[in-house]
Amino acid sequence: MIDLNLWPWANTIMLATAGVAVGRLAGALHFTSLHWAVEGFARGRVTHALGIQLARLALTGAVFVGLSRMGALALLGGTGGFLWARGVALRRREVAP
């Protein structure tokens, strides 16, 4: 029989890693859709851009509520992943220093 409790920190590390992965994906979607919304506003497609904004904020809020229900480590990891995605988005758009 295999003892699954050989490494007591496995669950903690898995929660934090899952949080980072989910946060990174949510951040990538968030900042990509932010770019789409800004382009929509710049082109005068206000209704379309507002719809994107609403969906973007609702998705981000739902992701962080879900991470908070998984626990503090998942939420912390998700925040880190989200900020990581922000840095990637800024470098990709050549805005970051």
PDB file of N, CA and C in Angstrom:
ATOM      1  N   MET A   1       0.833  -1.180   0.000  1.00  0.00           N
ATOM      2  CA  MET A   1       0.000   0.000   0.000  1.00  0.00           C
ATOM      3  C   MET A   1       0.880   1.247   0.000  1.00  0.00           C
ATOM      4  N   ILE A   2       0.465   2.272  -0.737  1.00  0.00           N
ATOM      5  CA  ILE A   2       1.235   3.510  -0.855  1.00  0.00           C
ATOM      6  C   ILE A   2       0.729   4.520   0.161  1.00  0.00           C
ATOM      7  N   ASP A   3       1.660   5.071   0.897  1.00  0.00           N
ATOM      8  CA  ASP A   3       1.305   6.109   1.867  1.00  0.00           C
ATOM      9  C   ASP A   3       1.345   7.462   1.168  1.00  0.00           C
ATOM     10  N   LEU A   4       0.203   8.104   1.055  1.00  0.00           N
ATOM     11  CA  LEU A   4       0.129   9.387   0.355  1.00  0.00           C
ATOM     12  C   LEU A   4       0.550  10.567   1.224  1.00  0.00           C
ATOM     13  N   ASN A   5       0.806  10.328   2.485  1.00  0.00           N
ATOM     14  CA  ASN A   5       1.217  11.405   3.383  1.00  0.00           C
ATOM     15  C   ASN A   5       2.726  11.432   3.592  1.00  0.00           C
ATOM     16  N   LEU A   6       3.489  10.981   2.596  1.00  0.00           N
ATOM     17  CA  LEU A   6       4.943  11.018   2.717  1.00  0.00           C
ATOM     18  C   LEU A   6       5.452  12.453   2.772  1.00  0.00           C
ATOM     19  N   TRP A   7       4.772  13.317   2.090  1.00  0.00           N
ATOM     20  CA  TRP A   7       5.205  14.699   2.032  1.00  0.00           C
ATOM     21  C   TRP A   7       4.058  15.576   2.516  1.00  0.00           C
ATOM     22  N   PRO A   8       4.112  16.046   3.757  1.00  0.00           N
ATOM     23  CA  PRO A   8       2.953  16.749   4.327  1.00  0.00           C
ATOM     24  C   PRO A   8       2.642  18.091   3.663  1.00  0.00           C
ATOM     25  N   TRP A   9       3.589  18.670   2.943  1.00  0.00           N
ATOM     26  CA  TRP A   9       3.355  19.972   2.322  1.00  0.00           C
ATOM     27  C   TRP A   9       2.819  19.874   0.898  1.00  0.00           C
ATOM     28  N   ALA A  10       2.561  18.670   0.422  1.00  0.00           N
ATOM     29  CA  ALA A  10       2.130  18.486  -0.964  1.00  0.00           C
ATOM     30  C   ALA A  10       0.825  19.223  -1.257  1.00  0.00           C
ATOM     31  N   ASN A  11      -0.139  19.133  -0.372  1.00  0.00           N
ATOM     32  CA  ASN A  11      -1.425  19.794  -0.591  1.00  0.00           C
ATOM     33  C   ASN A  11      -1.257  21.315  -0.636  1.00  0.00           C
ATOM     34  N   THR A  12      -0.434  21.842   0.240  1.00  0.00           N
ATOM     35  CA  THR A  12      -0.192  23.275   0.283  1.00  0.00           C
ATOM     36  C   THR A  12       0.450  23.753  -1.007  1.00  0.00           C
ATOM     37  N   ILE A  13       1.456  23.021  -1.467  1.00  0.00           N
ATOM     38  CA  ILE A  13       2.146  23.412  -2.693  1.00  0.00           C
ATOM     39  C   ILE A  13       1.216  23.281  -3.897  1.00  0.00           C
ATOM     40  N   MET A  14       0.379  22.252  -3.915  1.00  0.00           N
ATOM     41  CA  MET A  14      -0.556  22.086  -5.034  1.00  0.00           C
ATOM     42  C   MET A  14      -1.582  23.215  -5.069  1.00  0.00           C
ATOM     43  N   LEU A  15      -2.057  23.654  -3.919  1.00  0.00           N
ATOM     44  CA  LEU A  15      -3.010  24.770  -3.888  1.00  0.00           C
ATOM     45  C   LEU A  15      -2.375  26.053  -4.410  1.00  0.00           C
ATOM     46  N   ALA A  16      -1.167  26.339  -3.958  1.00  0.00           N
ATOM     47  CA  ALA A  16      -0.490  27.555  -4.405  1.00  0.00           C
ATOM     48  C   ALA A  16      -0.182  27.483  -5.898  1.00  0.00           C
ATOM     49  N   THR A  17       0.255  26.323  -6.371  1.00  0.00           N
ATOM     50  CA  THR A  17       0.571  26.159  -7.794  1.00  0.00           C
ATOM     51  C   THR A  17      -0.682  26.274  -8.648  1.00  0.00           C
ATOM     52  N   ALA A  18      -1.761  25.680  -8.199  1.00  0.00           N
ATOM     53  CA  ALA A  18      -3.030  25.803  -8.927  1.00  0.00           C
ATOM     54  C   ALA A  18      -3.476  27.258  -8.964  1.00  0.00           C
ATOM     55  N   GLY A  19      -3.284  27.968  -7.852  1.00  0.00           N
ATOM     56  CA  GLY A  19      -3.630  29.379  -7.817  1.00  0.00           C
ATOM     57  C   GLY A  19      -2.823  30.189  -8.809  1.00  0.00           C
ATOM     58  N   VAL A  20      -1.527  29.912  -8.894  1.00  0.00           N
ATOM     59  CA  VAL A  20      -0.674  30.629  -9.855  1.00  0.00           C
ATOM     60  C   VAL A  20      -1.133  30.357 -11.276  1.00  0.00           C
ATOM     61  N   ALA A  21      -1.421  29.094 -11.582  1.00  0.00           N
ATOM     62  CA  ALA A  21      -1.844  28.737 -12.932  1.00  0.00           C
ATOM     63  C   ALA A  21      -3.176  29.401 -13.305  1.00  0.00           C
ATOM     64  N   VAL A  22      -4.124  29.346 -12.400  1.00  0.00           N
ATOM     65  CA  VAL A  22      -5.436  29.957 -12.664  1.00  0.00           C
ATOM     66  C   VAL A  22      -5.298  31.475 -12.756  1.00  0.00           C
ATOM     67  N   GLY A  23      -4.512  32.063 -11.863  1.00  0.00           N
ATOM     68  CA  GLY A  23      -4.297  33.507 -11.895  1.00  0.00           C
ATOM     69  C   GLY A  23      -3.605  33.963 -13.159  1.00  0.00           C
ATOM     70  N   ARG A  24      -2.649  33.176 -13.616  1.00  0.00           N
ATOM     71  CA  ARG A  24      -1.940  33.536 -14.845  1.00  0.00           C
ATOM     72  C   ARG A  24      -2.877  33.504 -16.045  1.00  0.00           C
ATOM     73  N   LEU A  25      -3.702  32.461 -16.125  1.00  0.00           N
ATOM     74  CA  LEU A  25      -4.665  32.365 -17.220  1.00  0.00           C
ATOM     75  C   LEU A  25      -5.700  33.483 -17.146  1.00  0.00           C
ATOM     76  N   ALA A  26      -6.216  33.732 -15.948  1.00  0.00           N
ATOM     77  CA  ALA A  26      -7.205  34.806 -15.787  1.00  0.00           C
ATOM     78  C   ALA A  26      -6.588  36.162 -16.108  1.00  0.00           C
ATOM     79  N   GLY A  27      -5.354  36.370 -15.696  1.00  0.00           N
ATOM     80  CA  GLY A  27      -4.675  37.630 -15.999  1.00  0.00           C
ATOM     81  C   GLY A  27      -4.440  37.817 -17.484  1.00  0.00           C
ATOM     82  N   ALA A  28      -4.059  36.738 -18.161  1.00  0.00           N
ATOM     83  CA  ALA A  28      -3.855  36.830 -19.608  1.00  0.00           C
ATOM     84  C   ALA A  28      -5.151  37.201 -20.318  1.00  0.00           C
ATOM     85  N   LEU A  29      -6.251  36.573 -19.910  1.00  0.00           N
ATOM     86  CA  LEU A  29      -7.548  36.914 -20.505  1.00  0.00           C
ATOM     87  C   LEU A  29      -7.962  38.337 -20.147  1.00  0.00           C
ATOM     88  N   HIS A  30      -7.715  38.721 -18.906  1.00  0.00           N
ATOM     89  CA  HIS A  30      -8.090  40.044 -18.429  1.00  0.00           C
ATOM     90  C   HIS A  30      -7.377  41.142 -19.223  1.00  0.00           C
ATOM     91  N   PHE A  31      -6.065  41.014 -19.357  1.00  0.00           N
ATOM     92  CA  PHE A  31      -5.320  42.084 -20.003  1.00  0.00           C
ATOM     93  C   PHE A  31      -5.444  42.055 -21.523  1.00  0.00           C
ATOM     94  N   THR A  32      -5.692  40.881 -22.100  1.00  0.00           N
ATOM     95  CA  THR A  32      -5.971  40.827 -23.535  1.00  0.00           C
ATOM     96  C   THR A  32      -7.315  41.490 -23.833  1.00  0.00           C
ATOM     97  N   SER A  33      -8.313  41.203 -23.006  1.00  0.00           N
ATOM     98  CA  SER A  33      -9.621  41.829 -23.233  1.00  0.00           C
ATOM     99  C   SER A  33      -9.591  43.321 -22.900  1.00  0.00           C
ATOM    100  N   LEU A  34      -8.704  43.740 -22.013  1.00  0.00           N
ATOM    101  CA  LEU A  34      -8.533  45.176 -21.772  1.00  0.00           C
ATOM    102  C   LEU A  34      -8.039  45.863 -23.037  1.00  0.00           C
ATOM    103  N   HIS A  35      -7.103  45.227 -23.723  1.00  0.00           N
ATOM    104  CA  HIS A  35      -6.607  45.781 -24.984  1.00  0.00           C
ATOM    105  C   HIS A  35      -7.735  45.884 -26.007  1.00  0.00           C
ATOM    106  N   TRP A  36      -8.562  44.829 -26.075  1.00  0.00           N
ATOM    107  CA  TRP A  36      -9.692  44.867 -27.008  1.00  0.00           C
ATOM    108  C   TRP A  36     -10.665  45.981 -26.656  1.00  0.00           C
ATOM    109  N   ALA A  37     -10.920  46.179 -25.372  1.00  0.00           N
ATOM    110  CA  ALA A  37     -11.863  47.219 -24.945  1.00  0.00           C
ATOM    111  C   ALA A  37     -11.323  48.605 -25.271  1.00  0.00           C
ATOM    112  N   VAL A  38     -10.041  48.809 -25.028  1.00  0.00           N
ATOM    113  CA  VAL A  38      -9.444  50.122 -25.337  1.00  0.00           C
ATOM    114  C   VAL A  38      -9.518  50.396 -26.829  1.00  0.00           C
ATOM    115  N   GLU A  39      -9.236  49.368 -27.641  1.00  0.00           N
ATOM    116  CA  GLU A  39      -9.362  49.553 -29.090  1.00  0.00           C
ATOM    117  C   GLU A  39     -10.800  49.860 -29.480  1.00  0.00           C
ATOM    118  N   GLY A  40     -11.754  49.213 -28.832  1.00  0.00           N
ATOM    119  CA  GLY A  40     -13.161  49.477 -29.122  1.00  0.00           C
ATOM    120  C   GLY A  40     -13.548  50.910 -28.787  1.00  0.00           C
ATOM    121  N   PHE A  41     -13.102  51.396 -27.633  1.00  0.00           N
ATOM    122  CA  PHE A  41     -13.382  52.788 -27.263  1.00  0.00           C
ATOM    123  C   PHE A  41     -12.717  53.753 -28.248  1.00  0.00           C
ATOM    124  N   ALA A  42     -11.492  53.446 -28.652  1.00  0.00           N
ATOM    125  CA  ALA A  42     -10.771  54.332 -29.569  1.00  0.00           C
ATOM    126  C   ALA A  42     -11.422  54.383 -30.945  1.00  0.00           C
ATOM    127  N   ARG A  43     -12.071  53.310 -31.347  1.00  0.00           N
ATOM    128  CA  ARG A  43     -12.707  53.267 -32.660  1.00  0.00           C
ATOM    129  C   ARG A  43     -14.173  53.704 -32.627  1.00  0.00           C
ATOM    130  N   GLY A  44     -14.649  54.094 -31.440  1.00  0.00           N
ATOM    131  CA  GLY A  44     -16.014  54.584 -31.329  1.00  0.00           C
ATOM    132  C   GLY A  44     -17.056  53.510 -31.134  1.00  0.00           C
ATOM    133  N   ARG A  45     -16.647  52.288 -30.887  1.00  0.00           N
ATOM    134  CA  ARG A  45     -17.591  51.187 -30.661  1.00  0.00           C
ATOM    135  C   ARG A  45     -17.823  51.057 -29.158  1.00  0.00           C
ATOM    136  N   VAL A  46     -18.497  52.035 -28.608  1.00  0.00           N
ATOM    137  CA  VAL A  46     -18.642  52.153 -27.160  1.00  0.00           C
ATOM    138  C   VAL A  46     -19.443  50.993 -26.571  1.00  0.00           C
ATOM    139  N   THR A  47     -20.540  50.617 -27.183  1.00  0.00           N
ATOM    140  CA  THR A  47     -21.368  49.540 -26.645  1.00  0.00           C
ATOM    141  C   THR A  47     -20.593  48.226 -26.612  1.00  0.00           C
ATOM    142  N   HIS A  48     -19.885  47.943 -27.677  1.00  0.00           N
ATOM    143  CA  HIS A  48     -19.075  46.733 -27.753  1.00  0.00           C
ATOM    144  C   HIS A  48     -17.989  46.751 -26.675  1.00  0.00           C
ATOM    145  N   ALA A  49     -17.327  47.883 -26.526  1.00  0.00           N
ATOM    146  CA  ALA A  49     -16.253  48.010 -25.545  1.00  0.00           C
ATOM    147  C   ALA A  49     -16.783  47.891 -24.115  1.00  0.00           C
ATOM    148  N   LEU A  50     -17.951  48.455 -23.848  1.00  0.00           N
ATOM    149  CA  LEU A  50     -18.545  48.331 -22.517  1.00  0.00           C
ATOM    150  C   LEU A  50     -18.929  46.886 -22.208  1.00  0.00           C
ATOM    151  N   GLY A  51     -19.398  46.163 -23.212  1.00  0.00           N
ATOM    152  CA  GLY A  51     -19.703  44.749 -23.031  1.00  0.00           C
ATOM    153  C   GLY A  51     -18.456  43.944 -22.689  1.00  0.00           C
ATOM    154  N   ILE A  52     -17.370  44.246 -23.374  1.00  0.00           N
ATOM    155  CA  ILE A  52     -16.096  43.578 -23.079  1.00  0.00           C
ATOM    156  C   ILE A  52     -15.643  43.917 -21.662  1.00  0.00           C
ATOM    157  N   GLN A  53     -15.783  45.184 -21.279  1.00  0.00           N
ATOM    158  CA  GLN A  53     -15.388  45.602 -19.934  1.00  0.00           C
ATOM    159  C   GLN A  53     -16.188  44.854 -18.864  1.00  0.00           C
ATOM    160  N   LEU A  54     -17.482  44.765 -19.063  1.00  0.00           N
ATOM    161  CA  LEU A  54     -18.342  44.081 -18.103  1.00  0.00           C
ATOM    162  C   LEU A  54     -17.965  42.609 -17.983  1.00  0.00           C
ATOM    163  N   ALA A  55     -17.766  41.947 -19.112  1.00  0.00           N
ATOM    164  CA  ALA A  55     -17.388  40.532 -19.099  1.00  0.00           C
ATOM    165  C   ALA A  55     -16.013  40.342 -18.458  1.00  0.00           C
ATOM    166  N   ARG A  56     -15.096  41.237 -18.743  1.00  0.00           N
ATOM    167  CA  ARG A  56     -13.740  41.163 -18.201  1.00  0.00           C
ATOM    168  C   ARG A  56     -13.760  41.268 -16.688  1.00  0.00           C
ATOM    169  N   LEU A  57     -14.481  42.231 -16.165  1.00  0.00           N
ATOM    170  CA  LEU A  57     -14.529  42.424 -14.721  1.00  0.00           C
ATOM    171  C   LEU A  57     -15.300  41.308 -14.020  1.00  0.00           C
ATOM    172  N   ALA A  58     -16.367  40.821 -14.653  1.00  0.00           N
ATOM    173  CA  ALA A  58     -17.136  39.723 -14.060  1.00  0.00           C
ATOM    174  C   ALA A  58     -16.306  38.445 -13.996  1.00  0.00           C
ATOM    175  N   LEU A  59     -15.573  38.156 -15.059  1.00  0.00           N
ATOM    176  CA  LEU A  59     -14.738  36.959 -15.075  1.00  0.00           C
ATOM    177  C   LEU A  59     -13.625  37.053 -14.034  1.00  0.00           C
ATOM    178  N   THR A  60     -12.980  38.190 -13.956  1.00  0.00           N
ATOM    179  CA  THR A  60     -11.910  38.367 -12.977  1.00  0.00           C
ATOM    180  C   THR A  60     -12.447  38.238 -11.557  1.00  0.00           C
ATOM    181  N   GLY A  61     -13.580  38.853 -11.298  1.00  0.00           N
ATOM    182  CA  GLY A  61     -14.184  38.745  -9.974  1.00  0.00           C
ATOM    183  C   GLY A  61     -14.566  37.316  -9.639  1.00  0.00           C
ATOM    184  N   ALA A  62     -15.140  36.590 -10.600  1.00  0.00           N
ATOM    185  CA  ALA A  62     -15.535  35.203 -10.362  1.00  0.00           C
ATOM    186  C   ALA A  62     -14.326  34.314 -10.099  1.00  0.00           C
ATOM    187  N   VAL A  63     -13.246  34.559 -10.817  1.00  0.00           N
ATOM    188  CA  VAL A  63     -12.025  33.772 -10.603  1.00  0.00           C
ATOM    189  C   VAL A  63     -11.484  34.005  -9.202  1.00  0.00           C
ATOM    190  N   PHE A  64     -11.430  35.251  -8.768  1.00  0.00           N
ATOM    191  CA  PHE A  64     -10.875  35.522  -7.451  1.00  0.00           C
ATOM    192  C   PHE A  64     -11.801  35.066  -6.320  1.00  0.00           C
ATOM    193  N   VAL A  65     -13.102  35.080  -6.537  1.00  0.00           N
ATOM    194  CA  VAL A  65     -14.013  34.515  -5.539  1.00  0.00           C
ATOM    195  C   VAL A  65     -13.789  33.013  -5.441  1.00  0.00           C
ATOM    196  N   GLY A  66     -13.646  32.348  -6.580  1.00  0.00           N
ATOM    197  CA  GLY A  66     -13.377  30.916  -6.572  1.00  0.00           C
ATOM    198  C   GLY A  66     -12.068  30.573  -5.894  1.00  0.00           C
ATOM    199  N   LEU A  67     -11.030  31.371  -6.166  1.00  0.00           N
ATOM    200  CA  LEU A  67      -9.739  31.134  -5.511  1.00  0.00           C
ATOM    201  C   LEU A  67      -9.831  31.372  -4.012  1.00  0.00           C
ATOM    202  N   SER A  68     -10.607  32.364  -3.600  1.00  0.00           N
ATOM    203  CA  SER A  68     -10.733  32.630  -2.166  1.00  0.00           C
ATOM    204  C   SER A  68     -11.439  31.486  -1.453  1.00  0.00           C
ATOM    205  N   ARG A  69     -12.341  30.808  -2.143  1.00  0.00           N
ATOM    206  CA  ARG A  69     -13.016  29.652  -1.543  1.00  0.00           C
ATOM    207  C   ARG A  69     -12.089  28.448  -1.429  1.00  0.00           C
ATOM    208  N   MET A  70     -11.032  28.428  -2.238  1.00  0.00           N
ATOM    209  CA  MET A  70     -10.048  27.350  -2.135  1.00  0.00           C
ATOM    210  C   MET A  70      -9.087  27.571  -0.982  1.00  0.00           C
ATOM    211  N   GLY A  71      -8.963  28.809  -0.541  1.00  0.00           N
ATOM    212  CA  GLY A  71      -8.096  29.095   0.595  1.00  0.00           C
ATOM    213  C   GLY A  71      -7.155  30.256   0.326  1.00  0.00           C
ATOM    214  N   ALA A  72      -6.494  30.672   1.389  1.00  0.00           N
ATOM    215  CA  ALA A  72      -5.616  31.837   1.310  1.00  0.00           C
ATOM    216  C   ALA A  72      -4.426  31.602   0.392  1.00  0.00           C
ATOM    217  N   LEU A  73      -3.859  30.409   0.427  1.00  0.00           N
ATOM    218  CA  LEU A  73      -2.697  30.145  -0.426  1.00  0.00           C
ATOM    219  C   LEU A  73      -3.074  30.146  -1.903  1.00  0.00           C
ATOM    220  N   ALA A  74      -4.216  29.605  -2.231  1.00  0.00           N
ATOM    221  CA  ALA A  74      -4.672  29.633  -3.619  1.00  0.00           C
ATOM    222  C   ALA A  74      -4.925  31.072  -4.066  1.00  0.00           C
ATOM    223  N   LEU A  75      -5.514  31.865  -3.193  1.00  0.00           N
ATOM    224  CA  LEU A  75      -5.767  33.268  -3.521  1.00  0.00           C
ATOM    225  C   LEU A  75      -4.465  34.039  -3.681  1.00  0.00           C
ATOM    226  N   LEU A  76      -3.522  33.798  -2.801  1.00  0.00           N
ATOM    227  CA  LEU A  76      -2.219  34.462  -2.897  1.00  0.00           C
ATOM    228  C   LEU A  76      -1.488  34.047  -4.172  1.00  0.00           C
ATOM    229  N   GLY A  77      -1.513  32.747  -4.469  1.00  0.00           N
ATOM    230  CA  GLY A  77      -0.895  32.269  -5.705  1.00  0.00           C
ATOM    231  C   GLY A  77      -1.584  32.843  -6.932  1.00  0.00           C
ATOM    232  N   GLY A  78      -2.913  32.935  -6.890  1.00  0.00           N
ATOM    233  CA  GLY A  78      -3.658  33.507  -8.006  1.00  0.00           C
ATOM    234  C   GLY A  78      -3.338  34.968  -8.224  1.00  0.00           C
ATOM    235  N   THR A  79      -3.158  35.693  -7.141  1.00  0.00           N
ATOM    236  CA  THR A  79      -2.784  37.102  -7.259  1.00  0.00           C
ATOM    237  C   THR A  79      -1.401  37.232  -7.877  1.00  0.00           C
ATOM    238  N   GLY A  80      -0.493  36.374  -7.452  1.00  0.00           N
ATOM    239  CA  GLY A  80       0.842  36.381  -8.040  1.00  0.00           C
ATOM    240  C   GLY A  80       0.820  36.055  -9.522  1.00  0.00           C
ATOM    241  N   GLY A  81       0.030  35.050  -9.899  1.00  0.00           N
ATOM    242  CA  GLY A  81      -0.094  34.704 -11.308  1.00  0.00           C
ATOM    243  C   GLY A  81      -0.732  35.809 -12.122  1.00  0.00           C
ATOM    244  N   PHE A  82      -1.709  36.483 -11.539  1.00  0.00           N
ATOM    245  CA  PHE A  82      -2.374  37.596 -12.218  1.00  0.00           C
ATOM    246  C   PHE A  82      -1.389  38.740 -12.471  1.00  0.00           C
ATOM    247  N   LEU A  83      -0.588  39.053 -11.456  1.00  0.00           N
ATOM    248  CA  LEU A  83       0.402  40.117 -11.613  1.00  0.00           C
ATOM    249  C   LEU A  83       1.507  39.710 -12.583  1.00  0.00           C
ATOM    250  N   TRP A  84       1.830  38.435 -12.614  1.00  0.00           N
ATOM    251  CA  TRP A  84       2.804  37.929 -13.579  1.00  0.00           C
ATOM    252  C   TRP A  84       2.271  38.152 -14.996  1.00  0.00           C
ATOM    253  N   ALA A  85       1.004  37.839 -15.221  1.00  0.00           N
ATOM    254  CA  ALA A  85       0.388  38.039 -16.527  1.00  0.00           C
ATOM    255  C   ALA A  85       0.360  39.525 -16.897  1.00  0.00           C
ATOM    256  N   ARG A  86       0.199  40.386 -15.900  1.00  0.00           N
ATOM    257  CA  ARG A  86       0.228  41.834 -16.158  1.00  0.00           C
ATOM    258  C   ARG A  86       1.593  42.251 -16.686  1.00  0.00           C
ATOM    259  N   GLY A  87       2.642  41.755 -16.035  1.00  0.00           N
ATOM    260  CA  GLY A  87       3.987  42.084 -16.493  1.00  0.00           C
ATOM    261  C   GLY A  87       4.248  41.600 -17.910  1.00  0.00           C
ATOM    262  N   VAL A  88       3.777  40.402 -18.211  1.00  0.00           N
ATOM    263  CA  VAL A  88       3.937  39.854 -19.563  1.00  0.00           C
ATOM    264  C   VAL A  88       3.188  40.718 -20.571  1.00  0.00           C
ATOM    265  N   ALA A  89       1.963  41.108 -20.225  1.00  0.00           N
ATOM    266  CA  ALA A  89       1.161  41.935 -21.138  1.00  0.00           C
ATOM    267  C   ALA A  89       1.817  43.292 -21.374  1.00  0.00           C
ATOM    268  N   LEU A  90       2.374  43.892 -20.335  1.00  0.00           N
ATOM    269  CA  LEU A  90       3.028  45.186 -20.499  1.00  0.00           C
ATOM    270  C   LEU A  90       4.282  45.070 -21.363  1.00  0.00           C
ATOM    271  N   ARG A  91       5.046  44.012 -21.150  1.00  0.00           N
ATOM    272  CA  ARG A  91       6.240  43.824 -21.987  1.00  0.00           C
ATOM    273  C   ARG A  91       5.868  43.522 -23.426  1.00  0.00           C
ATOM    274  N   ARG A  92       4.800  42.762 -23.622  1.00  0.00           N
ATOM    275  CA  ARG A  92       4.368  42.427 -24.974  1.00  0.00           C
ATOM    276  C   ARG A  92       3.913  43.684 -25.730  1.00  0.00           C
ATOM    277  N   ARG A  93       3.268  44.590 -25.038  1.00  0.00           N
ATOM    278  CA  ARG A  93       2.805  45.839 -25.666  1.00  0.00           C
ATOM    279  C   ARG A  93       3.898  46.915 -25.657  1.00  0.00           C
ATOM    280  N   GLU A  94       5.069  46.555 -25.150  1.00  0.00           N
ATOM    281  CA  GLU A  94       6.215  47.456 -25.065  1.00  0.00           C
ATOM    282  C   GLU A  94       5.894  48.728 -24.284  1.00  0.00           C
ATOM    283  N   VAL A  95       5.232  48.536 -23.136  1.00  0.00           N
ATOM    284  CA  VAL A  95       4.885  49.643 -22.265  1.00  0.00           C
ATOM    285  C   VAL A  95       5.754  49.623 -21.027  1.00  0.00           C
ATOM    286  N   ALA A  96       6.227  48.443 -20.643  1.00  0.00           N
ATOM    287  CA  ALA A  96       6.994  48.292 -19.407  1.00  0.00           C
ATOM    288  C   ALA A  96       8.367  48.922 -19.553  1.00  0.00           C
ATOM    289  N   PRO A  97       8.904  49.418 -18.438  1.00  0.00           N
ATOM    290  CA  PRO A  97      10.248  50.003 -18.486  1.00  0.00           C
ATOM    291  C   PRO A  97      11.318  48.968 -18.740  1.00  0.00           C
TER     292      PRO A  97
END
